[in-house]
Amino acid sequence: AMKTHLDNNDGKYISDFPDDLLWNNANSVILPHLGASTAEAEDAAASMAADTIREFLESGTIRNSVNFPATSLPNRPENSIRLAVVTLNKPGMLAHISEAFANNDLNILQQINQSRGDVAYNVVDVDTSGHNVVDFKTVQEKITMLDGVLSSRVI
């Protein structure tokens, strides 16, 4: 029935697992089948997951997430510390985070803010010149206590 329908130019057929009769039909678009349940696909998925988690832990980069926005910064500059902050996606959050650094004489070298639905993810690289670990922990604590901040971590 599908072949007759397509032969009459009554529509298009797109599939990654077509019936043998539809492979060469002019109205069929055949896509590569990903074979996600093969052993090779499972190994590739496990490797990708491990790489993704490593990148997140080492740099704050988020890829392939279903609940966080894709986020990436260039490498952290020398003499800087990186802070990742998860917030509610609401107006003013980035300003409050920036203000916390400014109020403690800490200079932001680079930052990124990405959102997805109700969540925003902020990664901030801050100049460490003239400051010590206590300065950063104090600011991190102030940021974490802001209304709308869900979590923070130093990377």
N, C-alpha and C. Protein backbone atom coordinates (compact mmCIF):
# COMPACT_ATOMS: atom_id res chain seq x y z
N ALA A 1 0.82 -1.19 0.00
CA ALA A 1 0.00 0.00 0.00
C ALA A 1 0.87 1.27 0.00
N MET A 2 1.93 1.26 0.79
CA MET A 2 2.82 2.43 0.86
C MET A 2 3.51 2.65 -0.48
N LYS A 3 3.98 1.57 -1.11
CA LYS A 3 4.65 1.69 -2.41
C LYS A 3 3.71 2.29 -3.44
N THR A 4 2.48 1.84 -3.48
CA THR A 4 1.49 2.37 -4.43
C THR A 4 1.24 3.85 -4.16
N HIS A 5 1.11 4.20 -2.89
CA HIS A 5 0.90 5.59 -2.50
C HIS A 5 2.07 6.46 -2.98
N LEU A 6 3.29 6.00 -2.78
CA LEU A 6 4.47 6.76 -3.19
C LEU A 6 4.62 6.77 -4.71
N ASP A 7 4.33 5.66 -5.35
CA ASP A 7 4.41 5.59 -6.82
C ASP A 7 3.46 6.58 -7.48
N ASN A 8 2.35 6.91 -6.81
CA ASN A 8 1.37 7.87 -7.34
C ASN A 8 1.73 9.31 -6.98
N ASN A 9 2.94 9.52 -6.43
CA ASN A 9 3.40 10.85 -6.02
C ASN A 9 2.44 11.51 -5.02
N ASP A 10 1.88 10.68 -4.13
CA ASP A 10 0.94 11.19 -3.13
C ASP A 10 1.61 11.52 -1.80
N GLY A 11 2.92 11.52 -1.75
CA GLY A 11 3.59 11.85 -0.50
C GLY A 11 5.04 11.43 -0.53
N LYS A 12 5.68 11.61 0.60
CA LYS A 12 7.09 11.24 0.78
C LYS A 12 7.20 10.27 1.95
N TYR A 13 8.28 9.49 1.94
CA TYR A 13 8.52 8.52 2.98
C TYR A 13 9.95 8.72 3.46
N ILE A 14 10.10 8.91 4.77
CA ILE A 14 11.43 9.08 5.36
C ILE A 14 11.60 8.00 6.42
N SER A 15 12.71 7.28 6.35
CA SER A 15 12.92 6.19 7.30
C SER A 15 14.40 5.87 7.43
N ASP A 16 14.75 5.33 8.58
CA ASP A 16 16.11 4.81 8.75
C ASP A 16 16.11 3.27 8.73
N PHE A 17 14.95 2.70 8.53
CA PHE A 17 14.81 1.25 8.50
C PHE A 17 13.70 0.88 7.53
N PRO A 18 13.91 1.12 6.22
CA PRO A 18 12.81 0.98 5.25
C PRO A 18 12.52 -0.46 4.85
N ASP A 19 11.33 -0.63 4.34
CA ASP A 19 10.94 -1.88 3.71
C ASP A 19 11.76 -2.03 2.42
N ASP A 20 12.14 -3.24 2.05
CA ASP A 20 12.97 -3.46 0.87
C ASP A 20 12.36 -2.87 -0.41
N LEU A 21 11.04 -2.82 -0.51
CA LEU A 21 10.38 -2.31 -1.71
C LEU A 21 10.54 -0.79 -1.86
N LEU A 22 10.94 -0.11 -0.80
CA LEU A 22 10.97 1.36 -0.84
C LEU A 22 12.37 1.95 -0.97
N TRP A 23 13.40 1.12 -0.99
CA TRP A 23 14.77 1.61 -1.06
C TRP A 23 15.02 2.54 -2.25
N ASN A 24 14.56 2.17 -3.40
CA ASN A 24 14.85 2.92 -4.63
C ASN A 24 13.70 3.79 -5.11
N ASN A 25 12.68 3.96 -4.30
CA ASN A 25 11.54 4.77 -4.69
C ASN A 25 11.94 6.26 -4.70
N ALA A 26 11.56 6.96 -5.75
CA ALA A 26 11.92 8.38 -5.89
C ALA A 26 11.35 9.24 -4.76
N ASN A 27 10.28 8.79 -4.13
CA ASN A 27 9.66 9.55 -3.05
C ASN A 27 10.08 9.07 -1.65
N SER A 28 11.13 8.26 -1.61
CA SER A 28 11.66 7.78 -0.33
C SER A 28 12.98 8.49 -0.03
N VAL A 29 13.12 8.89 1.22
CA VAL A 29 14.39 9.42 1.70
C VAL A 29 14.85 8.44 2.78
N ILE A 30 15.95 7.76 2.48
CA ILE A 30 16.45 6.74 3.39
C ILE A 30 17.65 7.30 4.15
N LEU A 31 17.56 7.29 5.48
CA LEU A 31 18.61 7.80 6.36
C LEU A 31 19.43 6.65 6.92
N PRO A 32 20.67 6.91 7.30
CA PRO A 32 21.47 5.86 7.94
C PRO A 32 20.83 5.44 9.27
N HIS A 33 20.78 4.16 9.50
CA HIS A 33 20.26 3.65 10.77
C HIS A 33 21.39 3.68 11.79
N LEU A 34 21.13 4.24 12.95
CA LEU A 34 22.18 4.41 13.96
C LEU A 34 22.51 3.12 14.70
N GLY A 35 21.64 2.18 14.71
CA GLY A 35 21.93 0.91 15.35
C GLY A 35 22.31 1.07 16.81
N ALA A 36 21.54 1.84 17.53
CA ALA A 36 21.89 2.21 18.90
C ALA A 36 21.91 1.04 19.87
N SER A 37 21.38 -0.11 19.48
CA SER A 37 21.38 -1.23 20.42
C SER A 37 22.50 -2.23 20.13
N THR A 38 23.39 -1.90 19.22
CA THR A 38 24.51 -2.82 18.95
C THR A 38 25.58 -2.66 20.01
N ALA A 39 26.42 -3.65 20.14
CA ALA A 39 27.51 -3.59 21.11
C ALA A 39 28.44 -2.41 20.81
N GLU A 40 28.69 -2.18 19.52
CA GLU A 40 29.55 -1.05 19.13
C GLU A 40 28.94 0.28 19.55
N ALA A 41 27.62 0.42 19.36
CA ALA A 41 26.94 1.66 19.74
C ALA A 41 26.95 1.85 21.25
N GLU A 42 26.75 0.77 21.99
CA GLU A 42 26.78 0.87 23.44
C GLU A 42 28.17 1.26 23.94
N ASP A 43 29.23 0.71 23.32
CA ASP A 43 30.60 1.09 23.69
C ASP A 43 30.86 2.56 23.36
N ALA A 44 30.40 3.00 22.19
CA ALA A 44 30.59 4.40 21.79
C ALA A 44 29.83 5.34 22.73
N ALA A 45 28.61 4.95 23.12
CA ALA A 45 27.81 5.78 24.03
C ALA A 45 28.48 5.86 25.41
N ALA A 46 29.01 4.75 25.88
CA ALA A 46 29.70 4.75 27.18
C ALA A 46 30.94 5.63 27.13
N SER A 47 31.67 5.55 26.03
CA SER A 47 32.87 6.38 25.87
C SER A 47 32.49 7.86 25.81
N MET A 48 31.43 8.18 25.07
CA MET A 48 30.97 9.57 24.98
C MET A 48 30.53 10.07 26.35
N ALA A 49 29.82 9.25 27.10
CA ALA A 49 29.36 9.66 28.43
C ALA A 49 30.55 9.93 29.34
N ALA A 50 31.55 9.07 29.30
CA ALA A 50 32.74 9.27 30.13
C ALA A 50 33.47 10.56 29.75
N ASP A 51 33.61 10.82 28.45
CA ASP A 51 34.26 12.05 27.99
C ASP A 51 33.46 13.28 28.40
N THR A 52 32.15 13.19 28.31
CA THR A 52 31.28 14.30 28.67
C THR A 52 31.38 14.62 30.16
N ILE A 53 31.38 13.60 30.99
CA ILE A 53 31.49 13.80 32.43
C ILE A 53 32.86 14.37 32.79
N ARG A 54 33.92 13.85 32.16
CA ARG A 54 35.27 14.37 32.41
C ARG A 54 35.36 15.85 32.06
N GLU A 55 34.83 16.23 30.90
CA GLU A 55 34.84 17.64 30.49
C GLU A 55 34.09 18.52 31.48
N PHE A 56 32.95 18.04 31.97
CA PHE A 56 32.18 18.81 32.94
C PHE A 56 32.97 19.00 34.23
N LEU A 57 33.58 17.93 34.72
CA LEU A 57 34.32 18.02 35.98
C LEU A 57 35.58 18.88 35.85
N GLU A 58 36.26 18.78 34.71
CA GLU A 58 37.52 19.49 34.53
C GLU A 58 37.36 20.95 34.10
N SER A 59 36.34 21.25 33.29
CA SER A 59 36.25 22.61 32.74
C SER A 59 34.89 23.28 32.91
N GLY A 60 33.87 22.52 33.28
CA GLY A 60 32.53 23.07 33.39
C GLY A 60 31.74 22.96 32.10
N THR A 61 32.33 22.42 31.06
CA THR A 61 31.66 22.26 29.78
C THR A 61 30.49 21.29 29.90
N ILE A 62 29.37 21.64 29.27
CA ILE A 62 28.20 20.75 29.25
C ILE A 62 27.88 20.44 27.80
N ARG A 63 27.86 19.14 27.47
CA ARG A 63 27.47 18.67 26.13
C ARG A 63 26.46 17.55 26.30
N ASN A 64 25.57 17.43 25.35
CA ASN A 64 24.65 16.29 25.27
C ASN A 64 23.77 16.11 26.51
N SER A 65 23.43 17.19 27.17
CA SER A 65 22.59 17.10 28.36
C SER A 65 21.12 17.25 27.99
N VAL A 66 20.27 16.56 28.71
CA VAL A 66 18.84 16.69 28.47
C VAL A 66 18.20 17.70 29.42
N ASN A 67 18.93 18.13 30.47
CA ASN A 67 18.33 19.06 31.42
C ASN A 67 19.16 20.31 31.70
N PHE A 68 20.31 20.46 31.07
CA PHE A 68 21.14 21.66 31.20
C PHE A 68 21.46 22.17 29.80
N PRO A 69 21.69 23.48 29.68
CA PRO A 69 22.05 24.02 28.36
C PRO A 69 23.48 23.66 27.97
N ALA A 70 23.70 23.46 26.68
CA ALA A 70 25.07 23.25 26.20
C ALA A 70 25.88 24.50 26.52
N THR A 71 27.06 24.32 27.13
CA THR A 71 27.86 25.45 27.57
C THR A 71 29.34 25.11 27.47
N SER A 72 30.10 26.04 26.93
CA SER A 72 31.54 25.82 26.80
C SER A 72 32.26 27.16 26.84
N LEU A 73 33.38 27.20 27.51
CA LEU A 73 34.26 28.36 27.53
C LEU A 73 35.61 27.93 26.97
N PRO A 74 36.39 28.88 26.48
CA PRO A 74 37.77 28.53 26.15
C PRO A 74 38.49 28.09 27.42
N ASN A 75 39.71 27.64 27.26
CA ASN A 75 40.49 27.25 28.44
C ASN A 75 40.53 28.39 29.44
N ARG A 76 40.61 28.03 30.71
CA ARG A 76 40.69 29.01 31.78
C ARG A 76 42.02 29.76 31.64
N PRO A 77 41.99 31.10 31.68
CA PRO A 77 43.23 31.87 31.56
C PRO A 77 44.17 31.60 32.74
N GLU A 78 45.45 31.83 32.52
CA GLU A 78 46.41 31.71 33.62
C GLU A 78 46.04 32.69 34.72
N ASN A 79 46.40 32.35 35.95
CA ASN A 79 46.14 33.19 37.11
C ASN A 79 44.65 33.49 37.27
N SER A 80 43.83 32.48 37.07
CA SER A 80 42.39 32.65 37.27
C SER A 80 41.82 31.41 37.94
N ILE A 81 40.63 31.59 38.46
CA ILE A 81 39.88 30.50 39.05
C ILE A 81 38.52 30.48 38.35
N ARG A 82 37.97 29.29 38.17
CA ARG A 82 36.69 29.15 37.47
C ARG A 82 35.61 28.74 38.47
N LEU A 83 34.50 29.45 38.40
CA LEU A 83 33.36 29.15 39.25
C LEU A 83 32.15 28.86 38.36
N ALA A 84 31.49 27.74 38.61
CA ALA A 84 30.26 27.39 37.90
C ALA A 84 29.10 27.60 38.85
N VAL A 85 28.07 28.29 38.37
CA VAL A 85 26.91 28.61 39.20
C VAL A 85 25.63 28.22 38.46
N VAL A 86 24.81 27.41 39.09
CA VAL A 86 23.52 27.02 38.54
C VAL A 86 22.45 27.86 39.23
N THR A 87 21.62 28.53 38.42
CA THR A 87 20.59 29.40 38.98
C THR A 87 19.24 29.11 38.34
N LEU A 88 18.22 29.66 38.96
CA LEU A 88 16.94 29.72 38.28
C LEU A 88 17.10 30.67 37.11
N ASN A 89 16.40 30.42 36.04
CA ASN A 89 16.48 31.28 34.86
C ASN A 89 15.51 32.45 35.04
N LYS A 90 15.99 33.47 35.76
CA LYS A 90 15.14 34.63 36.00
C LYS A 90 15.98 35.90 35.88
N PRO A 91 15.33 37.03 35.57
CA PRO A 91 16.06 38.28 35.36
C PRO A 91 16.89 38.68 36.58
N GLY A 92 18.08 39.20 36.32
CA GLY A 92 18.93 39.76 37.36
C GLY A 92 19.94 38.81 37.98
N MET A 93 19.84 37.52 37.70
CA MET A 93 20.76 36.57 38.35
C MET A 93 22.21 36.83 37.97
N LEU A 94 22.46 37.03 36.68
CA LEU A 94 23.84 37.28 36.24
C LEU A 94 24.37 38.57 36.87
N ALA A 95 23.53 39.58 36.97
CA ALA A 95 23.93 40.85 37.60
C ALA A 95 24.30 40.63 39.06
N HIS A 96 23.53 39.83 39.79
CA HIS A 96 23.82 39.55 41.20
C HIS A 96 25.15 38.81 41.36
N ILE A 97 25.40 37.87 40.46
CA ILE A 97 26.67 37.13 40.51
C ILE A 97 27.84 38.07 40.23
N SER A 98 27.73 38.88 39.20
CA SER A 98 28.79 39.84 38.86
C SER A 98 29.02 40.83 39.99
N GLU A 99 27.95 41.28 40.62
CA GLU A 99 28.04 42.23 41.72
C GLU A 99 28.78 41.63 42.92
N ALA A 100 28.56 40.35 43.18
CA ALA A 100 29.26 39.69 44.29
C ALA A 100 30.77 39.70 44.07
N PHE A 101 31.20 39.47 42.83
CA PHE A 101 32.64 39.54 42.53
C PHE A 101 33.14 40.98 42.67
N ALA A 102 32.42 41.92 42.09
CA ALA A 102 32.83 43.33 42.12
C ALA A 102 32.92 43.85 43.56
N ASN A 103 31.96 43.48 44.40
CA ASN A 103 31.97 43.94 45.80
C ASN A 103 33.17 43.42 46.58
N ASN A 104 33.83 42.41 46.07
CA ASN A 104 35.01 41.84 46.73
C ASN A 104 36.28 42.10 45.92
N ASP A 105 36.23 43.11 45.04
CA ASP A 105 37.37 43.53 44.22
C ASP A 105 37.96 42.40 43.38
N LEU A 106 37.11 41.53 42.89
CA LEU A 106 37.54 40.44 42.02
C LEU A 106 37.11 40.76 40.60
N ASN A 107 38.04 40.64 39.66
CA ASN A 107 37.79 40.98 38.27
C ASN A 107 37.42 39.74 37.46
N ILE A 108 36.29 39.81 36.75
CA ILE A 108 35.86 38.73 35.86
C ILE A 108 36.64 38.85 34.55
N LEU A 109 37.36 37.78 34.18
CA LEU A 109 38.12 37.76 32.94
C LEU A 109 37.27 37.31 31.76
N GLN A 110 36.42 36.32 31.98
CA GLN A 110 35.49 35.86 30.96
C GLN A 110 34.36 35.12 31.64
N GLN A 111 33.21 35.11 30.96
CA GLN A 111 32.05 34.42 31.54
C GLN A 111 31.10 34.02 30.42
N ILE A 112 30.26 33.05 30.75
CA ILE A 112 29.21 32.65 29.83
C ILE A 112 27.97 32.34 30.66
N ASN A 113 26.82 32.64 30.11
CA ASN A 113 25.54 32.36 30.75
C ASN A 113 24.65 31.73 29.68
N GLN A 114 24.21 30.52 29.94
CA GLN A 114 23.32 29.81 29.01
C GLN A 114 22.11 29.35 29.81
N SER A 115 20.96 29.33 29.16
CA SER A 115 19.77 28.86 29.87
C SER A 115 19.04 27.81 29.05
N ARG A 116 18.27 27.02 29.78
CA ARG A 116 17.42 26.01 29.17
C ARG A 116 16.22 25.83 30.10
N GLY A 117 15.09 26.27 29.65
CA GLY A 117 13.90 26.18 30.49
C GLY A 117 14.06 27.03 31.74
N ASP A 118 13.84 26.42 32.88
CA ASP A 118 13.90 27.14 34.16
C ASP A 118 15.29 27.24 34.76
N VAL A 119 16.30 26.66 34.09
CA VAL A 119 17.65 26.61 34.65
C VAL A 119 18.61 27.45 33.81
N ALA A 120 19.48 28.19 34.51
CA ALA A 120 20.57 28.90 33.84
C ALA A 120 21.89 28.38 34.42
N TYR A 121 22.89 28.30 33.57
CA TYR A 121 24.21 27.80 33.95
C TYR A 121 25.22 28.88 33.62
N ASN A 122 25.97 29.29 34.61
CA ASN A 122 26.93 30.39 34.49
C ASN A 122 28.32 29.87 34.80
N VAL A 123 29.26 30.17 33.94
CA VAL A 123 30.66 29.81 34.20
C VAL A 123 31.45 31.11 34.14
N VAL A 124 32.20 31.38 35.23
CA VAL A 124 32.89 32.65 35.37
C VAL A 124 34.36 32.39 35.69
N ASP A 125 35.26 33.00 34.92
CA ASP A 125 36.70 32.95 35.20
C ASP A 125 37.11 34.27 35.83
N VAL A 126 37.73 34.19 37.02
CA VAL A 126 38.05 35.38 37.81
C VAL A 126 39.55 35.47 38.03
N ASP A 127 40.09 36.67 37.89
CA ASP A 127 41.51 36.94 38.09
C ASP A 127 41.89 36.67 39.55
N THR A 128 42.96 35.91 39.76
CA THR A 128 43.40 35.59 41.11
C THR A 128 44.47 36.54 41.64
N SER A 129 44.94 37.47 40.82
CA SER A 129 46.02 38.38 41.22
C SER A 129 45.65 39.13 42.50
N GLY A 130 46.54 39.02 43.49
CA GLY A 130 46.35 39.75 44.75
C GLY A 130 45.30 39.17 45.67
N HIS A 131 44.84 37.96 45.40
CA HIS A 131 43.80 37.35 46.24
C HIS A 131 44.24 35.96 46.67
N ASN A 132 43.59 35.46 47.71
CA ASN A 132 43.89 34.11 48.19
C ASN A 132 42.63 33.25 48.17
N VAL A 133 42.80 32.01 48.54
CA VAL A 133 41.71 31.04 48.50
C VAL A 133 40.52 31.49 49.35
N VAL A 134 40.80 32.10 50.49
CA VAL A 134 39.73 32.53 51.39
C VAL A 134 38.84 33.57 50.70
N ASP A 135 39.45 34.47 49.91
CA ASP A 135 38.67 35.48 49.18
C ASP A 135 37.65 34.80 48.26
N PHE A 136 38.08 33.78 47.56
CA PHE A 136 37.20 33.10 46.61
C PHE A 136 36.13 32.29 47.32
N LYS A 137 36.49 31.62 48.40
CA LYS A 137 35.50 30.84 49.15
C LYS A 137 34.45 31.76 49.75
N THR A 138 34.86 32.94 50.20
CA THR A 138 33.92 33.93 50.75
C THR A 138 32.92 34.36 49.69
N VAL A 139 33.42 34.68 48.49
CA VAL A 139 32.53 35.09 47.40
C VAL A 139 31.64 33.94 46.96
N GLN A 140 32.21 32.74 46.87
CA GLN A 140 31.39 31.59 46.49
C GLN A 140 30.25 31.38 47.49
N GLU A 141 30.55 31.54 48.75
CA GLU A 141 29.52 31.39 49.78
C GLU A 141 28.43 32.45 49.61
N LYS A 142 28.84 33.70 49.35
CA LYS A 142 27.85 34.78 49.15
C LYS A 142 26.99 34.50 47.92
N ILE A 143 27.61 34.04 46.85
CA ILE A 143 26.87 33.74 45.62
C ILE A 143 25.90 32.58 45.86
N THR A 144 26.36 31.54 46.52
CA THR A 144 25.53 30.37 46.77
C THR A 144 24.31 30.72 47.61
N MET A 145 24.44 31.71 48.47
CA MET A 145 23.33 32.11 49.35
C MET A 145 22.35 33.07 48.68
N LEU A 146 22.65 33.53 47.46
CA LEU A 146 21.74 34.42 46.75
C LEU A 146 20.43 33.71 46.45
N ASP A 147 19.32 34.44 46.57
CA ASP A 147 18.02 33.89 46.21
C ASP A 147 18.02 33.52 44.72
N GLY A 148 17.69 32.32 44.41
CA GLY A 148 17.66 31.86 43.01
C GLY A 148 18.87 31.05 42.60
N VAL A 149 19.91 31.00 43.44
CA VAL A 149 21.08 30.17 43.14
C VAL A 149 20.81 28.76 43.65
N LEU A 150 20.98 27.79 42.76
CA LEU A 150 20.72 26.39 43.11
C LEU A 150 21.97 25.68 43.60
N SER A 151 23.13 26.02 43.00
CA SER A 151 24.39 25.41 43.43
C SER A 151 25.55 26.18 42.81
N SER A 152 26.74 25.93 43.37
CA SER A 152 27.96 26.51 42.79
C SER A 152 29.11 25.57 43.10
N ARG A 153 30.16 25.67 42.28
CA ARG A 153 31.36 24.88 42.54
C ARG A 153 32.56 25.55 41.89
N VAL A 154 33.70 25.41 42.54
CA VAL A 154 34.96 25.90 41.99
C VAL A 154 35.53 24.78 41.15
N ILE A 155 35.94 25.14 39.94
CA ILE A 155 36.52 24.14 39.04
C ILE A 155 38.02 24.36 38.99
